[in-house]
């Protein structure tokens, strides 16, 4: 069962990362993409806290991946990251914060359940 949960979370992380890239690509403000990153990584960290680092990396690296893929197809972002596409690697910061806060939430929930 745990194997299926892991692969389900991989698919959720990729889907969430691609959705984050789409939100950032079609928006001129970064706050919307950061909110999506935080929500997706928080939920994945809550589901499987032992792999929080993996969820953060997958979701955050989808953002520059979407930029590179869309630009190679000829699409232009509403507001390109400055100074270049590699500036979107800053998404690693909220991704790790969200994933590890979710993992901490799981630890707290488990401790509260064990005490009662």
PDB file of N, CA and C in Angstrom:
ATOM      1  N   UNK A   1       0.825  -1.204   0.000  1.00  0.00           N
ATOM      2  CA  UNK A   1       0.000   0.000   0.000  1.00  0.00           C
ATOM      3  C   UNK A   1       0.864   1.261   0.000  1.00  0.00           C
ATOM      4  N   UNK A   2       1.964   1.210   0.756  1.00  0.00           N
ATOM      5  CA  UNK A   2       2.818   2.382   0.843  1.00  0.00           C
ATOM      6  C   UNK A   2       3.472   2.704  -0.507  1.00  0.00           C
ATOM      7  N   UNK A   3       3.729   1.656  -1.312  1.00  0.00           N
ATOM      8  CA  UNK A   3       4.312   1.856  -2.635  1.00  0.00           C
ATOM      9  C   UNK A   3       3.359   2.652  -3.519  1.00  0.00           C
ATOM     10  N   UNK A   4       2.075   2.340  -3.458  1.00  0.00           N
ATOM     11  CA  UNK A   4       1.095   3.063  -4.260  1.00  0.00           C
ATOM     12  C   UNK A   4       0.943   4.498  -3.786  1.00  0.00           C
ATOM     13  N   UNK A   5       1.040   4.701  -2.481  1.00  0.00           N
ATOM     14  CA  UNK A   5       0.949   6.054  -1.933  1.00  0.00           C
ATOM     15  C   UNK A   5       2.122   6.897  -2.417  1.00  0.00           C
ATOM     16  N   UNK A   6       3.307   6.304  -2.451  1.00  0.00           N
ATOM     17  CA  UNK A   6       4.490   7.022  -2.925  1.00  0.00           C
ATOM     18  C   UNK A   6       4.315   7.457  -4.380  1.00  0.00           C
ATOM     19  N   UNK A   7       3.895   6.542  -5.245  1.00  0.00           N
ATOM     20  CA  UNK A   7       3.734   6.882  -6.668  1.00  0.00           C
ATOM     21  C   UNK A   7       2.583   7.851  -6.880  1.00  0.00           C
ATOM     22  N   UNK A   8       1.557   7.756  -6.061  1.00  0.00           N
ATOM     23  CA  UNK A   8       0.464   8.731  -6.137  1.00  0.00           C
ATOM     24  C   UNK A   8       0.971  10.122  -5.773  1.00  0.00           C
ATOM     25  N   UNK A   9       1.818  10.197  -4.750  1.00  0.00           N
ATOM     26  CA  UNK A   9       2.379  11.488  -4.356  1.00  0.00           C
ATOM     27  C   UNK A   9       3.330  12.039  -5.416  1.00  0.00           C
ATOM     28  N   UNK A  10       4.058  11.163  -6.101  1.00  0.00           N
ATOM     29  CA  UNK A  10       4.917  11.613  -7.209  1.00  0.00           C
ATOM     30  C   UNK A  10       4.059  12.274  -8.289  1.00  0.00           C
ATOM     31  N   UNK A  11       2.957  11.625  -8.630  1.00  0.00           N
ATOM     32  CA  UNK A  11       2.060  12.173  -9.658  1.00  0.00           C
ATOM     33  C   UNK A  11       1.449  13.487  -9.185  1.00  0.00           C
ATOM     34  N   UNK A  12       1.066  13.553  -7.909  1.00  0.00           N
ATOM     35  CA  UNK A  12       0.516  14.799  -7.360  1.00  0.00           C
ATOM     36  C   UNK A  12       1.565  15.912  -7.364  1.00  0.00           C
ATOM     37  N   UNK A  13       2.805  15.571  -7.041  1.00  0.00           N
ATOM     38  CA  UNK A  13       3.872  16.575  -7.030  1.00  0.00           C
ATOM     39  C   UNK A  13       4.130  17.107  -8.441  1.00  0.00           C
ATOM     40  N   UNK A  14       4.183  16.213  -9.416  1.00  0.00           N
ATOM     41  CA  UNK A  14       4.382  16.653 -10.797  1.00  0.00           C
ATOM     42  C   UNK A  14       3.205  17.492 -11.296  1.00  0.00           C
ATOM     43  N   UNK A  15       1.992  17.044 -10.986  1.00  0.00           N
ATOM     44  CA  UNK A  15       0.805  17.806 -11.391  1.00  0.00           C
ATOM     45  C   UNK A  15       0.771  19.164 -10.725  1.00  0.00           C
ATOM     46  N   UNK A  16       1.056  19.195  -9.423  1.00  0.00           N
ATOM     47  CA  UNK A  16       1.084  20.468  -8.705  1.00  0.00           C
ATOM     48  C   UNK A  16       2.177  21.387  -9.208  1.00  0.00           C
ATOM     49  N   UNK A  17       3.334  20.823  -9.542  1.00  0.00           N
ATOM     50  CA  UNK A  17       4.429  21.632 -10.065  1.00  0.00           C
ATOM     51  C   UNK A  17       4.119  22.204 -11.438  1.00  0.00           C
ATOM     52  N   UNK A  18       3.505  21.398 -12.288  1.00  0.00           N
ATOM     53  CA  UNK A  18       3.124  21.892 -13.617  1.00  0.00           C
ATOM     54  C   UNK A  18       2.041  22.957 -13.496  1.00  0.00           C
ATOM     55  N   UNK A  19       1.088  22.743 -12.589  1.00  0.00           N
ATOM     56  CA  UNK A  19       0.054  23.756 -12.366  1.00  0.00           C
ATOM     57  C   UNK A  19       0.672  25.042 -11.828  1.00  0.00           C
ATOM     58  N   UNK A  20       1.645  24.918 -10.936  1.00  0.00           N
ATOM     59  CA  UNK A  20       2.340  26.101 -10.410  1.00  0.00           C
ATOM     60  C   UNK A  20       3.044  26.855 -11.527  1.00  0.00           C
ATOM     61  N   UNK A  21       3.707  26.117 -12.402  1.00  0.00           N
ATOM     62  CA  UNK A  21       4.366  26.753 -13.536  1.00  0.00           C
ATOM     63  C   UNK A  21       3.391  27.466 -14.438  1.00  0.00           C
ATOM     64  N   UNK A  22       2.233  26.838 -14.670  1.00  0.00           N
ATOM     65  CA  UNK A  22       1.205  27.472 -15.505  1.00  0.00           C
ATOM     66  C   UNK A  22       0.696  28.747 -14.842  1.00  0.00           C
ATOM     67  N   UNK A  23       0.463  28.694 -13.524  1.00  0.00           N
ATOM     68  CA  UNK A  23      -0.012  29.887 -12.798  1.00  0.00           C
ATOM     69  C   UNK A  23       1.022  31.000 -12.902  1.00  0.00           C
ATOM     70  N   UNK A  24       2.290  30.674 -12.690  1.00  0.00           N
ATOM     71  CA  UNK A  24       3.332  31.693 -12.741  1.00  0.00           C
ATOM     72  C   UNK A  24       3.544  32.207 -14.159  1.00  0.00           C
ATOM     73  N   UNK A  25       3.429  31.340 -15.142  1.00  0.00           N
ATOM     74  CA  UNK A  25       3.631  31.728 -16.535  1.00  0.00           C
ATOM     75  C   UNK A  25       2.551  32.694 -17.010  1.00  0.00           C
ATOM     76  N   UNK A  26       1.331  32.536 -16.491  1.00  0.00           N
ATOM     77  CA  UNK A  26       0.204  33.357 -16.924  1.00  0.00           C
ATOM     78  C   UNK A  26      -0.182  34.453 -15.943  1.00  0.00           C
ATOM     79  N   UNK A  27       0.705  34.795 -15.028  1.00  0.00           N
ATOM     80  CA  UNK A  27       0.403  35.796 -14.014  1.00  0.00           C
ATOM     81  C   UNK A  27       1.570  36.763 -13.930  1.00  0.00           C
ATOM     82  N   UNK A  28       1.277  38.024 -13.637  1.00  0.00           N
ATOM     83  CA  UNK A  28       2.358  38.996 -13.549  1.00  0.00           C
ATOM     84  C   UNK A  28       2.858  39.199 -12.119  1.00  0.00           C
ATOM     85  N   UNK A  29       2.245  38.561 -11.145  1.00  0.00           N
ATOM     86  CA  UNK A  29       2.672  38.642  -9.757  1.00  0.00           C
ATOM     87  C   UNK A  29       3.098  37.260  -9.267  1.00  0.00           C
ATOM     88  N   UNK A  30       4.173  37.169  -8.508  1.00  0.00           N
ATOM     89  CA  UNK A  30       4.655  35.853  -8.061  1.00  0.00           C
ATOM     90  C   UNK A  30       3.886  35.265  -6.880  1.00  0.00           C
ATOM     91  N   UNK A  31       3.067  36.064  -6.200  1.00  0.00           N
ATOM     92  CA  UNK A  31       2.398  35.590  -4.991  1.00  0.00           C
ATOM     93  C   UNK A  31       1.466  34.413  -5.249  1.00  0.00           C
ATOM     94  N   UNK A  32       0.797  34.403  -6.371  1.00  0.00           N
ATOM     95  CA  UNK A  32      -0.126  33.307  -6.676  1.00  0.00           C
ATOM     96  C   UNK A  32       0.633  31.994  -6.822  1.00  0.00           C
ATOM     97  N   UNK A  33       1.753  32.018  -7.508  1.00  0.00           N
ATOM     98  CA  UNK A  33       2.548  30.805  -7.684  1.00  0.00           C
ATOM     99  C   UNK A  33       3.140  30.347  -6.354  1.00  0.00           C
ATOM    100  N   UNK A  34       3.571  31.274  -5.534  1.00  0.00           N
ATOM    101  CA  UNK A  34       4.123  30.919  -4.223  1.00  0.00           C
ATOM    102  C   UNK A  34       3.049  30.274  -3.355  1.00  0.00           C
ATOM    103  N   UNK A  35       1.838  30.784  -3.418  1.00  0.00           N
ATOM    104  CA  UNK A  35       0.740  30.195  -2.649  1.00  0.00           C
ATOM    105  C   UNK A  35       0.448  28.768  -3.109  1.00  0.00           C
ATOM    106  N   UNK A  36       0.452  28.544  -4.404  1.00  0.00           N
ATOM    107  CA  UNK A  36       0.221  27.189  -4.925  1.00  0.00           C
ATOM    108  C   UNK A  36       1.361  26.262  -4.504  1.00  0.00           C
ATOM    109  N   UNK A  37       2.592  26.739  -4.577  1.00  0.00           N
ATOM    110  CA  UNK A  37       3.739  25.935  -4.149  1.00  0.00           C
ATOM    111  C   UNK A  37       3.602  25.562  -2.680  1.00  0.00           C
ATOM    112  N   UNK A  38       3.274  26.535  -1.844  1.00  0.00           N
ATOM    113  CA  UNK A  38       3.131  26.263  -0.414  1.00  0.00           C
ATOM    114  C   UNK A  38       2.025  25.251  -0.136  1.00  0.00           C
ATOM    115  N   UNK A  39       0.906  25.392  -0.804  1.00  0.00           N
ATOM    116  CA  UNK A  39      -0.212  24.476  -0.571  1.00  0.00           C
ATOM    117  C   UNK A  39       0.121  23.058  -1.018  1.00  0.00           C
ATOM    118  N   UNK A  40       0.677  22.910  -2.206  1.00  0.00           N
ATOM    119  CA  UNK A  40       0.981  21.580  -2.742  1.00  0.00           C
ATOM    120  C   UNK A  40       2.041  20.886  -1.895  1.00  0.00           C
ATOM    121  N   UNK A  41       3.129  21.579  -1.593  1.00  0.00           N
ATOM    122  CA  UNK A  41       4.194  20.951  -0.817  1.00  0.00           C
ATOM    123  C   UNK A  41       3.774  20.695   0.623  1.00  0.00           C
ATOM    124  N   UNK A  42       2.942  21.562   1.194  1.00  0.00           N
ATOM    125  CA  UNK A  42       2.434  21.327   2.546  1.00  0.00           C
ATOM    126  C   UNK A  42       1.613  20.037   2.591  1.00  0.00           C
ATOM    127  N   UNK A  43       0.716  19.875   1.645  1.00  0.00           N
ATOM    128  CA  UNK A  43      -0.120  18.671   1.623  1.00  0.00           C
ATOM    129  C   UNK A  43       0.711  17.412   1.386  1.00  0.00           C
ATOM    130  N   UNK A  44       1.670  17.482   0.487  1.00  0.00           N
ATOM    131  CA  UNK A  44       2.523  16.319   0.238  1.00  0.00           C
ATOM    132  C   UNK A  44       3.407  16.009   1.443  1.00  0.00           C
ATOM    133  N   UNK A  45       3.906  17.030   2.119  1.00  0.00           N
ATOM    134  CA  UNK A  45       4.683  16.820   3.335  1.00  0.00           C
ATOM    135  C   UNK A  45       3.842  16.238   4.453  1.00  0.00           C
ATOM    136  N   UNK A  46       2.573  16.584   4.478  1.00  0.00           N
ATOM    137  CA  UNK A  46       1.650  16.040   5.470  1.00  0.00           C
ATOM    138  C   UNK A  46       1.345  14.574   5.179  1.00  0.00           C
ATOM    139  N   UNK A  47       1.239  14.221   3.901  1.00  0.00           N
ATOM    140  CA  UNK A  47       0.916  12.842   3.522  1.00  0.00           C
ATOM    141  C   UNK A  47       2.110  11.917   3.746  1.00  0.00           C
ATOM    142  N   UNK A  48       3.265  12.275   3.208  1.00  0.00           N
ATOM    143  CA  UNK A  48       4.486  11.461   3.361  1.00  0.00           C
ATOM    144  C   UNK A  48       5.627  12.349   3.859  1.00  0.00           C
ATOM    145  N   UNK A  49       5.731  12.554   5.166  1.00  0.00           N
ATOM    146  CA  UNK A  49       6.732  13.491   5.688  1.00  0.00           C
ATOM    147  C   UNK A  49       8.175  13.046   5.500  1.00  0.00           C
ATOM    148  N   UNK A  50       8.424  11.758   5.355  1.00  0.00           N
ATOM    149  CA  UNK A  50       9.791  11.280   5.188  1.00  0.00           C
ATOM    150  C   UNK A  50      10.415  11.687   3.868  1.00  0.00           C
ATOM    151  N   UNK A  51       9.604  12.044   2.916  1.00  0.00           N
ATOM    152  CA  UNK A  51      10.095  12.443   1.590  1.00  0.00           C
ATOM    153  C   UNK A  51       9.835  13.923   1.316  1.00  0.00           C
ATOM    154  N   UNK A  52       9.782  14.745   2.359  1.00  0.00           N
ATOM    155  CA  UNK A  52       9.484  16.171   2.187  1.00  0.00           C
ATOM    156  C   UNK A  52      10.480  16.840   1.245  1.00  0.00           C
ATOM    157  N   UNK A  53      11.740  16.453   1.339  1.00  0.00           N
ATOM    158  CA  UNK A  53      12.759  17.047   0.468  1.00  0.00           C
ATOM    159  C   UNK A  53      12.467  16.744  -0.996  1.00  0.00           C
ATOM    160  N   UNK A  54      11.976  15.531  -1.268  1.00  0.00           N
ATOM    161  CA  UNK A  54      11.686  15.135  -2.644  1.00  0.00           C
ATOM    162  C   UNK A  54      10.522  15.939  -3.211  1.00  0.00           C
ATOM    163  N   UNK A  55       9.477  16.118  -2.405  1.00  0.00           N
ATOM    164  CA  UNK A  55       8.310  16.883  -2.875  1.00  0.00           C
ATOM    165  C   UNK A  55       8.708  18.322  -3.178  1.00  0.00           C
ATOM    166  N   UNK A  56       9.535  18.908  -2.314  1.00  0.00           N
ATOM    167  CA  UNK A  56       9.970  20.293  -2.540  1.00  0.00           C
ATOM    168  C   UNK A  56      10.764  20.415  -3.841  1.00  0.00           C
ATOM    169  N   UNK A  57      11.655  19.485  -4.083  1.00  0.00           N
ATOM    170  CA  UNK A  57      12.479  19.552  -5.296  1.00  0.00           C
ATOM    171  C   UNK A  57      11.635  19.345  -6.545  1.00  0.00           C
ATOM    172  N   UNK A  58      10.740  18.364  -6.516  1.00  0.00           N
ATOM    173  CA  UNK A  58       9.917  18.093  -7.707  1.00  0.00           C
ATOM    174  C   UNK A  58       9.050  19.296  -8.049  1.00  0.00           C
ATOM    175  N   UNK A  59       8.337  19.813  -7.054  1.00  0.00           N
ATOM    176  CA  UNK A  59       7.411  20.929  -7.313  1.00  0.00           C
ATOM    177  C   UNK A  59       8.181  22.170  -7.746  1.00  0.00           C
ATOM    178  N   UNK A  60       9.275  22.482  -7.071  1.00  0.00           N
ATOM    179  CA  UNK A  60      10.019  23.704  -7.395  1.00  0.00           C
ATOM    180  C   UNK A  60      10.703  23.620  -8.756  1.00  0.00           C
ATOM    181  N   UNK A  61      11.222  22.460  -9.129  1.00  0.00           N
ATOM    182  CA  UNK A  61      11.917  22.356 -10.414  1.00  0.00           C
ATOM    183  C   UNK A  61      10.968  22.267 -11.602  1.00  0.00           C
ATOM    184  N   UNK A  62       9.696  22.029 -11.346  1.00  0.00           N
ATOM    185  CA  UNK A  62       8.718  22.074 -12.432  1.00  0.00           C
ATOM    186  C   UNK A  62       8.536  23.505 -12.945  1.00  0.00           C
ATOM    187  N   UNK A  63       8.754  24.478 -12.068  1.00  0.00           N
ATOM    188  CA  UNK A  63       8.569  25.879 -12.464  1.00  0.00           C
ATOM    189  C   UNK A  63       9.538  26.289 -13.576  1.00  0.00           C
ATOM    190  N   UNK A  64      10.861  26.130 -13.424  1.00  0.00           N
ATOM    191  CA  UNK A  64      11.723  26.453 -14.570  1.00  0.00           C
ATOM    192  C   UNK A  64      11.505  25.499 -15.737  1.00  0.00           C
ATOM    193  N   UNK A  65      11.085  24.267 -15.450  1.00  0.00           N
ATOM    194  CA  UNK A  65      10.798  23.322 -16.529  1.00  0.00           C
ATOM    195  C   UNK A  65       9.660  23.800 -17.411  1.00  0.00           C
ATOM    196  N   UNK A  66       8.617  24.338 -16.788  1.00  0.00           N
ATOM    197  CA  UNK A  66       7.479  24.871 -17.553  1.00  0.00           C
ATOM    198  C   UNK A  66       7.932  26.077 -18.375  1.00  0.00           C
ATOM    199  N   UNK A  67       8.759  26.952 -17.780  1.00  0.00           N
ATOM    200  CA  UNK A  67       9.264  28.112 -18.523  1.00  0.00           C
ATOM    201  C   UNK A  67      10.063  27.675 -19.750  1.00  0.00           C
ATOM    202  N   UNK A  68      10.966  26.723 -19.555  1.00  0.00           N
ATOM    203  CA  UNK A  68      11.796  26.282 -20.674  1.00  0.00           C
ATOM    204  C   UNK A  68      10.970  25.586 -21.742  1.00  0.00           C
ATOM    205  N   UNK A  69      10.019  24.746 -21.322  1.00  0.00           N
ATOM    206  CA  UNK A  69       9.188  24.018 -22.279  1.00  0.00           C
ATOM    207  C   UNK A  69       8.291  24.977 -23.064  1.00  0.00           C
ATOM    208  N   UNK A  70       7.627  25.898 -22.365  1.00  0.00           N
ATOM    209  CA  UNK A  70       6.721  26.832 -23.040  1.00  0.00           C
ATOM    210  C   UNK A  70       7.488  27.782 -23.965  1.00  0.00           C
ATOM    211  N   UNK A  71       8.652  28.226 -23.520  1.00  0.00           N
ATOM    212  CA  UNK A  71       9.440  29.120 -24.368  1.00  0.00           C
ATOM    213  C   UNK A  71       9.943  28.393 -25.613  1.00  0.00           C
ATOM    214  N   UNK A  72      10.234  27.092 -25.475  1.00  0.00           N
ATOM    215  CA  UNK A  72      10.686  26.342 -26.642  1.00  0.00           C
ATOM    216  C   UNK A  72       9.561  26.141 -27.649  1.00  0.00           C
ATOM    217  N   UNK A  73       8.311  26.195 -27.172  1.00  0.00           N
ATOM    218  CA  UNK A  73       7.166  26.102 -28.079  1.00  0.00           C
ATOM    219  C   UNK A  73       6.760  27.458 -28.649  1.00  0.00           C
ATOM    220  N   UNK A  74       7.426  28.524 -28.211  1.00  0.00           N
ATOM    221  CA  UNK A  74       7.155  29.847 -28.751  1.00  0.00           C
ATOM    222  C   UNK A  74       6.212  30.698 -27.921  1.00  0.00           C
ATOM    223  N   UNK A  75       5.803  30.225 -26.762  1.00  0.00           N
ATOM    224  CA  UNK A  75       4.926  31.018 -25.893  1.00  0.00           C
ATOM    225  C   UNK A  75       5.761  31.972 -25.053  1.00  0.00           C
ATOM    226  N   UNK A  76       5.199  33.138 -24.806  1.00  0.00           N
ATOM    227  CA  UNK A  76       5.876  34.143 -24.002  1.00  0.00           C
ATOM    228  C   UNK A  76       5.131  34.316 -22.672  1.00  0.00           C
ATOM    229  N   UNK A  77       5.861  34.357 -21.555  1.00  0.00           N
ATOM    230  CA  UNK A  77       5.197  34.549 -20.264  1.00  0.00           C
ATOM    231  C   UNK A  77       4.647  35.963 -20.139  1.00  0.00           C
ATOM    232  N   UNK A  78       3.631  36.119 -19.292  1.00  0.00           N
ATOM    233  CA  UNK A  78       3.054  37.444 -19.055  1.00  0.00           C
ATOM    234  C   UNK A  78       4.118  38.368 -18.468  1.00  0.00           C
ATOM    235  N   UNK A  79       4.867  37.852 -17.519  1.00  0.00           N
ATOM    236  CA  UNK A  79       5.939  38.617 -16.894  1.00  0.00           C
ATOM    237  C   UNK A  79       7.146  37.701 -16.722  1.00  0.00           C
ATOM    238  N   UNK A  80       8.127  37.787 -17.621  1.00  0.00           N
ATOM    239  CA  UNK A  80       9.262  36.870 -17.535  1.00  0.00           C
ATOM    240  C   UNK A  80      10.052  37.078 -16.246  1.00  0.00           C
ATOM    241  N   UNK A  81      10.589  35.994 -15.679  1.00  0.00           N
ATOM    242  CA  UNK A  81      11.404  36.156 -14.471  1.00  0.00           C
ATOM    243  C   UNK A  81      12.665  36.948 -14.799  1.00  0.00           C
ATOM    244  N   UNK A  82      13.057  37.747 -13.855  1.00  0.00           N
ATOM    245  CA  UNK A  82      14.197  38.622 -14.081  1.00  0.00           C
ATOM    246  C   UNK A  82      15.326  38.180 -13.158  1.00  0.00           C
ATOM    247  N   UNK A  83      16.517  38.024 -13.578  1.00  0.00           N
ATOM    248  CA  UNK A  83      17.165  38.369 -14.819  1.00  0.00           C
ATOM    249  C   UNK A  83      17.032  37.307 -15.907  1.00  0.00           C
ATOM    250  N   UNK A  84      16.552  36.103 -15.581  1.00  0.00           N
ATOM    251  CA  UNK A  84      16.372  35.056 -16.585  1.00  0.00           C
ATOM    252  C   UNK A  84      15.534  33.933 -16.004  1.00  0.00           C
ATOM    253  N   UNK A  85      15.354  32.868 -16.790  1.00  0.00           N
ATOM    254  CA  UNK A  85      14.511  31.759 -16.338  1.00  0.00           C
ATOM    255  C   UNK A  85      15.049  31.111 -15.069  1.00  0.00           C
ATOM    256  N   UNK A  86      16.369  31.166 -14.870  1.00  0.00           N
ATOM    257  CA  UNK A  86      16.976  30.560 -13.694  1.00  0.00           C
ATOM    258  C   UNK A  86      16.586  31.274 -12.398  1.00  0.00           C
ATOM    259  N   UNK A  87      16.011  32.466 -12.498  1.00  0.00           N
ATOM    260  CA  UNK A  87      15.509  33.159 -11.307  1.00  0.00           C
ATOM    261  C   UNK A  87      14.327  32.405 -10.700  1.00  0.00           C
ATOM    262  N   UNK A  88      13.671  31.569 -11.510  1.00  0.00           N
ATOM    263  CA  UNK A  88      12.554  30.791 -10.976  1.00  0.00           C
ATOM    264  C   UNK A  88      13.028  29.677 -10.044  1.00  0.00           C
ATOM    265  N   UNK A  89      14.330  29.446  -9.964  1.00  0.00           N
ATOM    266  CA  UNK A  89      14.862  28.481  -9.000  1.00  0.00           C
ATOM    267  C   UNK A  89      14.685  28.955  -7.558  1.00  0.00           C
ATOM    268  N   UNK A  90      14.360  30.223  -7.394  1.00  0.00           N
ATOM    269  CA  UNK A  90      14.042  30.731  -6.057  1.00  0.00           C
ATOM    270  C   UNK A  90      12.788  30.072  -5.485  1.00  0.00           C
ATOM    271  N   UNK A  91      12.039  29.378  -6.326  1.00  0.00           N
ATOM    272  CA  UNK A  91      10.857  28.660  -5.866  1.00  0.00           C
ATOM    273  C   UNK A  91      11.228  27.528  -4.908  1.00  0.00           C
ATOM    274  N   UNK A  92      12.501  27.158  -4.865  1.00  0.00           N
ATOM    275  CA  UNK A  92      12.937  26.120  -3.932  1.00  0.00           C
ATOM    276  C   UNK A  92      12.711  26.549  -2.479  1.00  0.00           C
ATOM    277  N   UNK A  93      12.800  27.836  -2.200  1.00  0.00           N
ATOM    278  CA  UNK A  93      12.658  28.323  -0.822  1.00  0.00           C
ATOM    279  C   UNK A  93      11.251  28.067  -0.292  1.00  0.00           C
ATOM    280  N   UNK A  94      10.185  28.578  -0.933  1.00  0.00           N
ATOM    281  CA  UNK A  94       8.849  28.272  -0.387  1.00  0.00           C
ATOM    282  C   UNK A  94       8.489  26.796  -0.491  1.00  0.00           C
ATOM    283  N   UNK A  95       9.071  26.095  -1.450  1.00  0.00           N
ATOM    284  CA  UNK A  95       8.779  24.660  -1.580  1.00  0.00           C
ATOM    285  C   UNK A  95       9.305  23.894  -0.373  1.00  0.00           C
ATOM    286  N   UNK A  96      10.529  24.165   0.039  1.00  0.00           N
ATOM    287  CA  UNK A  96      11.068  23.492   1.211  1.00  0.00           C
ATOM    288  C   UNK A  96      10.351  23.915   2.486  1.00  0.00           C
ATOM    289  N   UNK A  97       9.999  25.191   2.579  1.00  0.00           N
ATOM    290  CA  UNK A  97       9.249  25.658   3.754  1.00  0.00           C
ATOM    291  C   UNK A  97       7.914  24.928   3.844  1.00  0.00           C
ATOM    292  N   UNK A  98       7.169  24.880   2.757  1.00  0.00           N
ATOM    293  CA  UNK A  98       5.864  24.219   2.767  1.00  0.00           C
ATOM    294  C   UNK A  98       5.966  22.736   3.068  1.00  0.00           C
ATOM    295  N   UNK A  99       6.942  22.053   2.460  1.00  0.00           N
ATOM    296  CA  UNK A  99       7.075  20.605   2.659  1.00  0.00           C
ATOM    297  C   UNK A  99       7.444  20.274   4.103  1.00  0.00           C
ATOM    298  N   UNK A 100       8.346  21.032   4.680  1.00  0.00           N
ATOM    299  CA  UNK A 100       8.764  20.713   6.039  1.00  0.00           C
ATOM    300  C   UNK A 100       7.780  21.206   7.093  1.00  0.00           C
ATOM    301  N   UNK A 101       7.013  22.215   6.807  1.00  0.00           N
ATOM    302  CA  UNK A 101       5.923  22.585   7.722  1.00  0.00           C
ATOM    303  C   UNK A 101       4.845  21.502   7.688  1.00  0.00           C
ATOM    304  N   UNK A 102       4.574  20.955   6.520  1.00  0.00           N
ATOM    305  CA  UNK A 102       3.637  19.833   6.418  1.00  0.00           C
ATOM    306  C   UNK A 102       4.145  18.611   7.162  1.00  0.00           C
ATOM    307  N   UNK A 103       5.439  18.324   7.048  1.00  0.00           N
ATOM    308  CA  UNK A 103       6.028  17.193   7.773  1.00  0.00           C
ATOM    309  C   UNK A 103       5.952  17.423   9.280  1.00  0.00           C
ATOM    310  N   UNK A 104       6.197  18.642   9.710  1.00  0.00           N
ATOM    311  CA  UNK A 104       6.071  18.973  11.126  1.00  0.00           C
ATOM    312  C   UNK A 104       4.628  18.815  11.593  1.00  0.00           C
ATOM    313  N   UNK A 105       3.690  19.201  10.739  1.00  0.00           N
ATOM    314  CA  UNK A 105       2.275  19.007  11.064  1.00  0.00           C
ATOM    315  C   UNK A 105       1.939  17.544  11.258  1.00  0.00           C
ATOM    316  N   UNK A 106       2.512  16.668  10.422  1.00  0.00           N
ATOM    317  CA  UNK A 106       2.275  15.228  10.567  1.00  0.00           C
ATOM    318  C   UNK A 106       2.839  14.711  11.888  1.00  0.00           C
ATOM    319  N   UNK A 107       4.021  15.190  12.272  1.00  0.00           N
ATOM    320  CA  UNK A 107       4.620  14.774  13.537  1.00  0.00           C
ATOM    321  C   UNK A 107       3.743  15.212  14.707  1.00  0.00           C
ATOM    322  N   UNK A 108       3.248  16.426  14.645  1.00  0.00           N
ATOM    323  CA  UNK A 108       2.374  16.933  15.715  1.00  0.00           C
ATOM    324  C   UNK A 108       1.083  16.118  15.779  1.00  0.00           C
ATOM    325  N   UNK A 109       0.491  15.836  14.639  1.00  0.00           N
ATOM    326  CA  UNK A 109      -0.743  15.034  14.611  1.00  0.00           C
ATOM    327  C   UNK A 109      -0.482  13.637  15.174  1.00  0.00           C
ATOM    328  N   UNK A 110       0.626  13.008  14.782  1.00  0.00           N
ATOM    329  CA  UNK A 110       0.952  11.681  15.293  1.00  0.00           C
ATOM    330  C   UNK A 110       1.178  11.696  16.798  1.00  0.00           C
ATOM    331  N   UNK A 111       1.859  12.717  17.318  1.00  0.00           N
ATOM    332  CA  UNK A 111       2.096  12.825  18.758  1.00  0.00           C
ATOM    333  C   UNK A 111       0.795  13.033  19.525  1.00  0.00           C
ATOM    334  N   UNK A 112      -0.096  13.842  18.969  1.00  0.00           N
ATOM    335  CA  UNK A 112      -1.378  14.071  19.641  1.00  0.00           C
ATOM    336  C   UNK A 112      -2.228  12.813  19.629  1.00  0.00           C
ATOM    337  N   UNK A 113      -2.166  12.056  18.548  1.00  0.00           N
ATOM    338  CA  UNK A 113      -2.939  10.808  18.460  1.00  0.00           C
ATOM    339  C   UNK A 113      -2.368   9.761  19.412  1.00  0.00           C
ATOM    340  N   UNK A 114      -1.049   9.754  19.611  1.00  0.00           N
ATOM    341  CA  UNK A 114      -0.426   8.772  20.502  1.00  0.00           C
ATOM    342  C   UNK A 114      -0.746   9.072  21.963  1.00  0.00           C
ATOM    343  N   UNK A 115      -0.911  10.348  22.305  1.00  0.00           N
ATOM    344  CA  UNK A 115      -1.199  10.739  23.688  1.00  0.00           C
ATOM    345  C   UNK A 115      -2.635  10.451  24.088  1.00  0.00           C
ATOM    346  N   UNK A 116      -3.534  10.409  23.122  1.00  0.00           N
ATOM    347  CA  UNK A 116      -4.938  10.201  23.476  1.00  0.00           C
ATOM    348  C   UNK A 116      -5.371   8.769  23.388  1.00  0.00           C
TER     349      UNK A 116
END
